[in-house]
Amino acid sequence: ILAGKKTFLYLKALEVASKEEADQLKHWYYNEQSSAD
């Protein structure tokens, strides 16, 4: 997650997520402002 790797978990989440959930996931996955934890 910290490396922004597109793993099976990430891609599967995008497949089953709603548009709102997918947008949230992408936001957090590539957010460089938040802490690692």
ModelCIF file with pLDDT and N, C-alpha, C, O atoms, coordinates in Angstrom:
data_MODEL
#
_entry.id   MODEL 
#
_entity.id                         1 
_entity.type                       polymer 
_entity.pdbx_number_of_molecules   1 
#
_entity_poly.entity_id                      1 
_entity_poly.type                           'polypeptide(L)' 
_entity_poly.nstd_linkage                   no 
_entity_poly.nstd_monomer                   no 
_entity_poly.pdbx_seq_one_letter_code       ILAGKKTFLYLKALEVASKEEADQLKHWYYNEQSSAD 
_entity_poly.pdbx_seq_one_letter_code_can   ILAGKKTFLYLKALEVASKEEADQLKHWYYNEQSSAD 
_entity_poly.pdbx_strand_id                 A 
#
loop_
_entity_poly_seq.entity_id 
_entity_poly_seq.num 
_entity_poly_seq.mon_id 
_entity_poly_seq.hetero 
1 1  ILE n 
1 2  LEU n 
1 3  ALA n 
1 4  GLY n 
1 5  LYS n 
1 6  LYS n 
1 7  THR n 
1 8  PHE n 
1 9  LEU n 
1 10 TYR n 
1 11 LEU n 
1 12 LYS n 
1 13 ALA n 
1 14 LEU n 
1 15 GLU n 
1 16 VAL n 
1 17 ALA n 
1 18 SER n 
1 19 LYS n 
1 20 GLU n 
1 21 GLU n 
1 22 ALA n 
1 23 ASP n 
1 24 GLN n 
1 25 LEU n 
1 26 LYS n 
1 27 HIS n 
1 28 TRP n 
1 29 TYR n 
1 30 TYR n 
1 31 ASN n 
1 32 GLU n 
1 33 GLN n 
1 34 SER n 
1 35 SER n 
1 36 ALA n 
1 37 ASP n 
#
_struct_asym.id          A 
_struct_asym.entity_id   1 
#
loop_
_ma_qa_metric.id 
_ma_qa_metric.mode 
_ma_qa_metric.name 
_ma_qa_metric.software_group_id 
_ma_qa_metric.type 
1 global pLDDT . pLDDT 
2 local  pLDDT . pLDDT 
#
_ma_qa_metric_global.metric_id      1 
_ma_qa_metric_global.metric_value   93.43 
_ma_qa_metric_global.model_id       1 
_ma_qa_metric_global.ordinal_id     1 
#
loop_
_ma_qa_metric_local.label_asym_id 
_ma_qa_metric_local.label_comp_id 
_ma_qa_metric_local.label_seq_id 
_ma_qa_metric_local.metric_id 
_ma_qa_metric_local.metric_value 
_ma_qa_metric_local.model_id 
_ma_qa_metric_local.ordinal_id 
A ILE 1  2 94.00 1 1  
A LEU 2  2 92.00 1 2  
A ALA 3  2 90.00 1 3  
A GLY 4  2 90.00 1 4  
A LYS 5  2 92.00 1 5  
A LYS 6  2 94.00 1 6  
A THR 7  2 96.00 1 7  
A PHE 8  2 97.00 1 8  
A LEU 9  2 97.00 1 9  
A TYR 10 2 97.00 1 10 
A LEU 11 2 97.00 1 11 
A LYS 12 2 97.00 1 12 
A ALA 13 2 97.00 1 13 
A LEU 14 2 96.00 1 14 
A GLU 15 2 96.00 1 15 
A VAL 16 2 97.00 1 16 
A ALA 17 2 97.00 1 17 
A SER 18 2 97.00 1 18 
A LYS 19 2 96.00 1 19 
A GLU 20 2 96.00 1 20 
A GLU 21 2 96.00 1 21 
A ALA 22 2 95.00 1 22 
A ASP 23 2 95.00 1 23 
A GLN 24 2 95.00 1 24 
A LEU 25 2 95.00 1 25 
A LYS 26 2 93.00 1 26 
A HIS 27 2 92.00 1 27 
A TRP 28 2 93.00 1 28 
A TYR 29 2 91.00 1 29 
A TYR 30 2 89.00 1 30 
A ASN 31 2 85.00 1 31 
A GLU 32 2 83.00 1 32 
A GLN 33 2 86.00 1 33 
A SER 34 2 87.00 1 34 
A SER 35 2 92.00 1 35 
A ALA 36 2 92.00 1 36 
A ASP 37 2 93.00 1 37 
#
loop_
_atom_site.group_PDB 
_atom_site.id 
_atom_site.type_symbol 
_atom_site.label_atom_id 
_atom_site.label_alt_id 
_atom_site.label_comp_id 
_atom_site.label_asym_id 
_atom_site.label_entity_id 
_atom_site.label_seq_id 
_atom_site.pdbx_PDB_ins_code 
_atom_site.Cartn_x 
_atom_site.Cartn_y 
_atom_site.Cartn_z 
_atom_site.occupancy 
_atom_site.B_iso_or_equiv 
_atom_site.pdbx_formal_charge 
_atom_site.auth_seq_id 
_atom_site.auth_comp_id 
_atom_site.auth_asym_id 
_atom_site.auth_atom_id 
_atom_site.pdbx_PDB_model_num 
ATOM 1   N N  . ILE A 1 1  ? 0.842   -1.202 0.000  1.00 94.00 ? 1  ILE A N  1 
ATOM 2   C CA . ILE A 1 1  ? 0.000   0.000  0.000  1.00 94.00 ? 1  ILE A CA 1 
ATOM 3   C C  . ILE A 1 1  ? 0.871   1.243  0.000  1.00 94.00 ? 1  ILE A C  1 
ATOM 4   O O  . ILE A 1 1  ? 0.623   2.182  -0.757 1.00 94.00 ? 1  ILE A O  1 
ATOM 5   N N  . LEU A 1 2  ? 1.877   1.249  0.838  1.00 92.00 ? 2  LEU A N  1 
ATOM 6   C CA . LEU A 1 2  ? 2.768   2.407  0.929  1.00 92.00 ? 2  LEU A CA 1 
ATOM 7   C C  . LEU A 1 2  ? 3.522   2.627  -0.388 1.00 92.00 ? 2  LEU A C  1 
ATOM 8   O O  . LEU A 1 2  ? 3.839   3.760  -0.753 1.00 92.00 ? 2  LEU A O  1 
ATOM 9   N N  . ALA A 1 3  ? 3.800   1.540  -1.084 1.00 90.00 ? 3  ALA A N  1 
ATOM 10  C CA . ALA A 1 3  ? 4.517   1.639  -2.358 1.00 90.00 ? 3  ALA A CA 1 
ATOM 11  C C  . ALA A 1 3  ? 3.574   1.918  -3.525 1.00 90.00 ? 3  ALA A C  1 
ATOM 12  O O  . ALA A 1 3  ? 4.024   2.137  -4.650 1.00 90.00 ? 3  ALA A O  1 
ATOM 13  N N  . GLY A 1 4  ? 2.265   1.911  -3.261 1.00 90.00 ? 4  GLY A N  1 
ATOM 14  C CA . GLY A 1 4  ? 1.292   2.142  -4.325 1.00 90.00 ? 4  GLY A CA 1 
ATOM 15  C C  . GLY A 1 4  ? 1.237   1.017  -5.340 1.00 90.00 ? 4  GLY A C  1 
ATOM 16  O O  . GLY A 1 4  ? 0.952   1.254  -6.514 1.00 90.00 ? 4  GLY A O  1 
ATOM 17  N N  . LYS A 1 5  ? 1.511   -0.231 -4.893 1.00 92.00 ? 5  LYS A N  1 
ATOM 18  C CA . LYS A 1 5  ? 1.532   -1.360 -5.820 1.00 92.00 ? 5  LYS A CA 1 
ATOM 19  C C  . LYS A 1 5  ? 0.113   -1.832 -6.101 1.00 92.00 ? 5  LYS A C  1 
ATOM 20  O O  . LYS A 1 5  ? -0.709  -1.945 -5.192 1.00 92.00 ? 5  LYS A O  1 
ATOM 21  N N  . LYS A 1 6  ? -0.158  -2.101 -7.349 1.00 94.00 ? 6  LYS A N  1 
ATOM 22  C CA . LYS A 1 6  ? -1.472  -2.603 -7.754 1.00 94.00 ? 6  LYS A CA 1 
ATOM 23  C C  . LYS A 1 6  ? -1.503  -4.111 -7.547 1.00 94.00 ? 6  LYS A C  1 
ATOM 24  O O  . LYS A 1 6  ? -1.252  -4.877 -8.478 1.00 94.00 ? 6  LYS A O  1 
ATOM 25  N N  . THR A 1 7  ? -1.807  -4.528 -6.345 1.00 96.00 ? 7  THR A N  1 
ATOM 26  C CA . THR A 1 7  ? -1.891  -5.942 -6.017 1.00 96.00 ? 7  THR A CA 1 
ATOM 27  C C  . THR A 1 7  ? -3.264  -6.488 -6.398 1.00 96.00 ? 7  THR A C  1 
ATOM 28  O O  . THR A 1 7  ? -4.146  -5.739 -6.821 1.00 96.00 ? 7  THR A O  1 
ATOM 29  N N  . PHE A 1 8  ? -3.435  -7.802 -6.244 1.00 97.00 ? 8  PHE A N  1 
ATOM 30  C CA . PHE A 1 8  ? -4.732  -8.401 -6.523 1.00 97.00 ? 8  PHE A CA 1 
ATOM 31  C C  . PHE A 1 8  ? -5.795  -7.810 -5.602 1.00 97.00 ? 8  PHE A C  1 
ATOM 32  O O  . PHE A 1 8  ? -6.934  -7.603 -6.023 1.00 97.00 ? 8  PHE A O  1 
ATOM 33  N N  . LEU A 1 9  ? -5.433  -7.535 -4.344 1.00 97.00 ? 9  LEU A N  1 
ATOM 34  C CA . LEU A 1 9  ? -6.386  -6.967 -3.394 1.00 97.00 ? 9  LEU A CA 1 
ATOM 35  C C  . LEU A 1 9  ? -6.906  -5.618 -3.889 1.00 97.00 ? 9  LEU A C  1 
ATOM 36  O O  . LEU A 1 9  ? -8.110  -5.362 -3.874 1.00 97.00 ? 9  LEU A O  1 
ATOM 37  N N  . TYR A 1 10 ? -6.004  -4.778 -4.315 1.00 97.00 ? 10 TYR A N  1 
ATOM 38  C CA . TYR A 1 10 ? -6.374  -3.443 -4.780 1.00 97.00 ? 10 TYR A CA 1 
ATOM 39  C C  . TYR A 1 10 ? -7.255  -3.528 -6.026 1.00 97.00 ? 10 TYR A C  1 
ATOM 40  O O  . TYR A 1 10 ? -8.280  -2.852 -6.111 1.00 97.00 ? 10 TYR A O  1 
ATOM 41  N N  . LEU A 1 11 ? -6.860  -4.352 -6.985 1.00 97.00 ? 11 LEU A N  1 
ATOM 42  C CA . LEU A 1 11 ? -7.605  -4.460 -8.238 1.00 97.00 ? 11 LEU A CA 1 
ATOM 43  C C  . LEU A 1 11 ? -8.964  -5.110 -8.029 1.00 97.00 ? 11 LEU A C  1 
ATOM 44  O O  . LEU A 1 11 ? -9.944  -4.735 -8.674 1.00 97.00 ? 11 LEU A O  1 
ATOM 45  N N  . LYS A 1 12 ? -9.022  -6.089 -7.124 1.00 97.00 ? 12 LYS A N  1 
ATOM 46  C CA . LYS A 1 12 ? -10.301 -6.724 -6.819 1.00 97.00 ? 12 LYS A CA 1 
ATOM 47  C C  . LYS A 1 12 ? -11.232 -5.732 -6.126 1.00 97.00 ? 12 LYS A C  1 
ATOM 48  O O  . LYS A 1 12 ? -12.435 -5.718 -6.389 1.00 97.00 ? 12 LYS A O  1 
ATOM 49  N N  . ALA A 1 13 ? -10.683 -4.913 -5.253 1.00 97.00 ? 13 ALA A N  1 
ATOM 50  C CA . ALA A 1 13 ? -11.491 -3.899 -4.574 1.00 97.00 ? 13 ALA A CA 1 
ATOM 51  C C  . ALA A 1 13 ? -12.103 -2.939 -5.585 1.00 97.00 ? 13 ALA A C  1 
ATOM 52  O O  . ALA A 1 13 ? -13.283 -2.604 -5.487 1.00 97.00 ? 13 ALA A O  1 
ATOM 53  N N  . LEU A 1 14 ? -11.313 -2.497 -6.551 1.00 96.00 ? 14 LEU A N  1 
ATOM 54  C CA . LEU A 1 14 ? -11.836 -1.603 -7.576 1.00 96.00 ? 14 LEU A CA 1 
ATOM 55  C C  . LEU A 1 14 ? -12.935 -2.270 -8.398 1.00 96.00 ? 14 LEU A C  1 
ATOM 56  O O  . LEU A 1 14 ? -13.883 -1.612 -8.826 1.00 96.00 ? 14 LEU A O  1 
ATOM 57  N N  . GLU A 1 15 ? -12.805 -3.574 -8.617 1.00 96.00 ? 15 GLU A N  1 
ATOM 58  C CA . GLU A 1 15 ? -13.791 -4.294 -9.411 1.00 96.00 ? 15 GLU A CA 1 
ATOM 59  C C  . GLU A 1 15 ? -15.151 -4.357 -8.720 1.00 96.00 ? 15 GLU A C  1 
ATOM 60  O O  . GLU A 1 15 ? -16.185 -4.237 -9.376 1.00 96.00 ? 15 GLU A O  1 
ATOM 61  N N  . VAL A 1 16 ? -15.155 -4.544 -7.406 1.00 97.00 ? 16 VAL A N  1 
ATOM 62  C CA . VAL A 1 16 ? -16.420 -4.742 -6.684 1.00 97.00 ? 16 VAL A CA 1 
ATOM 63  C C  . VAL A 1 16 ? -16.931 -3.467 -6.016 1.00 97.00 ? 16 VAL A C  1 
ATOM 64  O O  . VAL A 1 16 ? -18.054 -3.447 -5.512 1.00 97.00 ? 16 VAL A O  1 
ATOM 65  N N  . ALA A 1 17 ? -16.131 -2.409 -6.003 1.00 97.00 ? 17 ALA A N  1 
ATOM 66  C CA . ALA A 1 17 ? -16.498 -1.180 -5.298 1.00 97.00 ? 17 ALA A CA 1 
ATOM 67  C C  . ALA A 1 17 ? -17.500 -0.346 -6.093 1.00 97.00 ? 17 ALA A C  1 
ATOM 68  O O  . ALA A 1 17 ? -17.577 -0.430 -7.319 1.00 97.00 ? 17 ALA A O  1 
ATOM 69  N N  . SER A 1 18 ? -18.260 0.457  -5.359 1.00 97.00 ? 18 SER A N  1 
ATOM 70  C CA . SER A 1 18 ? -19.076 1.477  -6.010 1.00 97.00 ? 18 SER A CA 1 
ATOM 71  C C  . SER A 1 18 ? -18.142 2.585  -6.492 1.00 97.00 ? 18 SER A C  1 
ATOM 72  O O  . SER A 1 18 ? -16.965 2.603  -6.134 1.00 97.00 ? 18 SER A O  1 
ATOM 73  N N  . LYS A 1 19 ? -18.657 3.500  -7.294 1.00 96.00 ? 19 LYS A N  1 
ATOM 74  C CA . LYS A 1 19 ? -17.823 4.602  -7.776 1.00 96.00 ? 19 LYS A CA 1 
ATOM 75  C C  . LYS A 1 19 ? -17.285 5.418  -6.599 1.00 96.00 ? 19 LYS A C  1 
ATOM 76  O O  . LYS A 1 19 ? -16.123 5.824  -6.603 1.00 96.00 ? 19 LYS A O  1 
ATOM 77  N N  . GLU A 1 20 ? -18.118 5.654  -5.608 1.00 96.00 ? 20 GLU A N  1 
ATOM 78  C CA . GLU A 1 20 ? -17.679 6.433  -4.443 1.00 96.00 ? 20 GLU A CA 1 
ATOM 79  C C  . GLU A 1 20 ? -16.576 5.703  -3.687 1.00 96.00 ? 20 GLU A C  1 
ATOM 80  O O  . GLU A 1 20 ? -15.583 6.310  -3.286 1.00 96.00 ? 20 GLU A O  1 
ATOM 81  N N  . GLU A 1 21 ? -16.755 4.395  -3.495 1.00 96.00 ? 21 GLU A N  1 
ATOM 82  C CA . GLU A 1 21 ? -15.745 3.606  -2.780 1.00 96.00 ? 21 GLU A CA 1 
ATOM 83  C C  . GLU A 1 21 ? -14.447 3.534  -3.581 1.00 96.00 ? 21 GLU A C  1 
ATOM 84  O O  . GLU A 1 21 ? -13.359 3.610  -3.012 1.00 96.00 ? 21 GLU A O  1 
ATOM 85  N N  . ALA A 1 22 ? -14.562 3.389  -4.897 1.00 95.00 ? 22 ALA A N  1 
ATOM 86  C CA . ALA A 1 22 ? -13.371 3.333  -5.751 1.00 95.00 ? 22 ALA A CA 1 
ATOM 87  C C  . ALA A 1 22 ? -12.606 4.651  -5.696 1.00 95.00 ? 22 ALA A C  1 
ATOM 88  O O  . ALA A 1 22 ? -11.376 4.658  -5.644 1.00 95.00 ? 22 ALA A O  1 
ATOM 89  N N  . ASP A 1 23 ? -13.333 5.765  -5.708 1.00 95.00 ? 23 ASP A N  1 
ATOM 90  C CA . ASP A 1 23 ? -12.686 7.076  -5.614 1.00 95.00 ? 23 ASP A CA 1 
ATOM 91  C C  . ASP A 1 23 ? -11.972 7.238  -4.277 1.00 95.00 ? 23 ASP A C  1 
ATOM 92  O O  . ASP A 1 23 ? -10.873 7.790  -4.218 1.00 95.00 ? 23 ASP A O  1 
ATOM 93  N N  . GLN A 1 24 ? -12.597 6.759  -3.207 1.00 95.00 ? 24 GLN A N  1 
ATOM 94  C CA . GLN A 1 24 ? -11.970 6.821  -1.881 1.00 95.00 ? 24 GLN A CA 1 
ATOM 95  C C  . GLN A 1 24 ? -10.690 5.986  -1.848 1.00 95.00 ? 24 GLN A C  1 
ATOM 96  O O  . GLN A 1 24 ? -9.665  6.409  -1.316 1.00 95.00 ? 24 GLN A O  1 
ATOM 97  N N  . LEU A 1 25 ? -10.778 4.806  -2.423 1.00 95.00 ? 25 LEU A N  1 
ATOM 98  C CA . LEU A 1 25 ? -9.619  3.915  -2.426 1.00 95.00 ? 25 LEU A CA 1 
ATOM 99  C C  . LEU A 1 25 ? -8.455  4.537  -3.187 1.00 95.00 ? 25 LEU A C  1 
ATOM 100 O O  . LEU A 1 25 ? -7.323  4.536  -2.705 1.00 95.00 ? 25 LEU A O  1 
ATOM 101 N N  . LYS A 1 26 ? -8.729  5.062  -4.362 1.00 93.00 ? 26 LYS A N  1 
ATOM 102 C CA . LYS A 1 26 ? -7.668  5.696  -5.151 1.00 93.00 ? 26 LYS A CA 1 
ATOM 103 C C  . LYS A 1 26 ? -7.080  6.894  -4.414 1.00 93.00 ? 26 LYS A C  1 
ATOM 104 O O  . LYS A 1 26 ? -5.874  7.136  -4.456 1.00 93.00 ? 26 LYS A O  1 
ATOM 105 N N  . HIS A 1 27 ? -7.959  7.644  -3.735 1.00 92.00 ? 27 HIS A N  1 
ATOM 106 C CA . HIS A 1 27 ? -7.491  8.805  -2.979 1.00 92.00 ? 27 HIS A CA 1 
ATOM 107 C C  . HIS A 1 27 ? -6.494  8.387  -1.911 1.00 92.00 ? 27 HIS A C  1 
ATOM 108 O O  . HIS A 1 27 ? -5.413  8.966  -1.810 1.00 92.00 ? 27 HIS A O  1 
ATOM 109 N N  . TRP A 1 28 ? -6.845  7.395  -1.120 1.00 93.00 ? 28 TRP A N  1 
ATOM 110 C CA . TRP A 1 28 ? -5.956  6.961  -0.043 1.00 93.00 ? 28 TRP A CA 1 
ATOM 111 C C  . TRP A 1 28 ? -4.713  6.255  -0.581 1.00 93.00 ? 28 TRP A C  1 
ATOM 112 O O  . TRP A 1 28 ? -3.622  6.410  -0.032 1.00 93.00 ? 28 TRP A O  1 
ATOM 113 N N  . TYR A 1 29 ? -4.875  5.491  -1.639 1.00 91.00 ? 29 TYR A N  1 
ATOM 114 C CA . TYR A 1 29 ? -3.762  4.691  -2.153 1.00 91.00 ? 29 TYR A CA 1 
ATOM 115 C C  . TYR A 1 29 ? -2.625  5.570  -2.663 1.00 91.00 ? 29 TYR A C  1 
ATOM 116 O O  . TYR A 1 29 ? -1.452  5.218  -2.535 1.00 91.00 ? 29 TYR A O  1 
ATOM 117 N N  . TYR A 1 30 ? -2.979  6.708  -3.237 1.00 89.00 ? 30 TYR A N  1 
ATOM 118 C CA . TYR A 1 30 ? -1.955  7.574  -3.816 1.00 89.00 ? 30 TYR A CA 1 
ATOM 119 C C  . TYR A 1 30 ? -1.845  8.916  -3.090 1.00 89.00 ? 30 TYR A C  1 
ATOM 120 O O  . TYR A 1 30 ? -1.332  9.890  -3.639 1.00 89.00 ? 30 TYR A O  1 
ATOM 121 N N  . ASN A 1 31 ? -2.335  8.951  -1.849 1.00 85.00 ? 31 ASN A N  1 
ATOM 122 C CA . ASN A 1 31 ? -2.254  10.159 -1.031 1.00 85.00 ? 31 ASN A CA 1 
ATOM 123 C C  . ASN A 1 31 ? -0.877  10.222 -0.355 1.00 85.00 ? 31 ASN A C  1 
ATOM 124 O O  . ASN A 1 31 ? -0.547  9.381  0.481  1.00 85.00 ? 31 ASN A O  1 
ATOM 125 N N  . GLU A 1 32 ? -0.098  11.211 -0.722 1.00 83.00 ? 32 GLU A N  1 
ATOM 126 C CA . GLU A 1 32 ? 1.252   11.341 -0.165 1.00 83.00 ? 32 GLU A CA 1 
ATOM 127 C C  . GLU A 1 32 ? 1.298   12.268 1.046  1.00 83.00 ? 32 GLU A C  1 
ATOM 128 O O  . GLU A 1 32 ? 2.360   12.479 1.632  1.00 83.00 ? 32 GLU A O  1 
ATOM 129 N N  . GLN A 1 33 ? 0.145   12.818 1.419  1.00 86.00 ? 33 GLN A N  1 
ATOM 130 C CA . GLN A 1 33 ? 0.106   13.760 2.533  1.00 86.00 ? 33 GLN A CA 1 
ATOM 131 C C  . GLN A 1 33 ? -0.153  13.077 3.869  1.00 86.00 ? 33 GLN A C  1 
ATOM 132 O O  . GLN A 1 33 ? 0.253   13.588 4.913  1.00 86.00 ? 33 GLN A O  1 
ATOM 133 N N  . SER A 1 34 ? -0.822  11.930 3.850  1.00 87.00 ? 34 SER A N  1 
ATOM 134 C CA . SER A 1 34 ? -1.175  11.247 5.093  1.00 87.00 ? 34 SER A CA 1 
ATOM 135 C C  . SER A 1 34 ? 0.003   10.433 5.615  1.00 87.00 ? 34 SER A C  1 
ATOM 136 O O  . SER A 1 34 ? 0.937   10.124 4.875  1.00 87.00 ? 34 SER A O  1 
ATOM 137 N N  . SER A 1 35 ? -0.054  10.091 6.895  1.00 92.00 ? 35 SER A N  1 
ATOM 138 C CA . SER A 1 35 ? 1.000   9.268  7.501  1.00 92.00 ? 35 SER A CA 1 
ATOM 139 C C  . SER A 1 35 ? 0.861   7.830  7.018  1.00 92.00 ? 35 SER A C  1 
ATOM 140 O O  . SER A 1 35 ? -0.179  7.436  6.491  1.00 92.00 ? 35 SER A O  1 
ATOM 141 N N  . ALA A 1 36 ? 1.916   7.060  7.203  1.00 92.00 ? 36 ALA A N  1 
ATOM 142 C CA . ALA A 1 36 ? 1.907   5.666  6.759  1.00 92.00 ? 36 ALA A CA 1 
ATOM 143 C C  . ALA A 1 36 ? 0.805   4.875  7.459  1.00 92.00 ? 36 ALA A C  1 
ATOM 144 O O  . ALA A 1 36 ? 0.061   4.137  6.813  1.00 92.00 ? 36 ALA A O  1 
ATOM 145 N N  . ASP A 1 37 ? 0.702   5.029  8.776  1.00 93.00 ? 37 ASP A N  1 
ATOM 146 C CA . ASP A 1 37 ? -0.311  4.283  9.528  1.00 93.00 ? 37 ASP A CA 1 
ATOM 147 C C  . ASP A 1 37 ? -1.716  4.677  9.101  1.00 93.00 ? 37 ASP A C  1 
ATOM 148 O O  . ASP A 1 37 ? -2.693  4.148  9.630  1.00 93.00 ? 37 ASP A O  1 
#
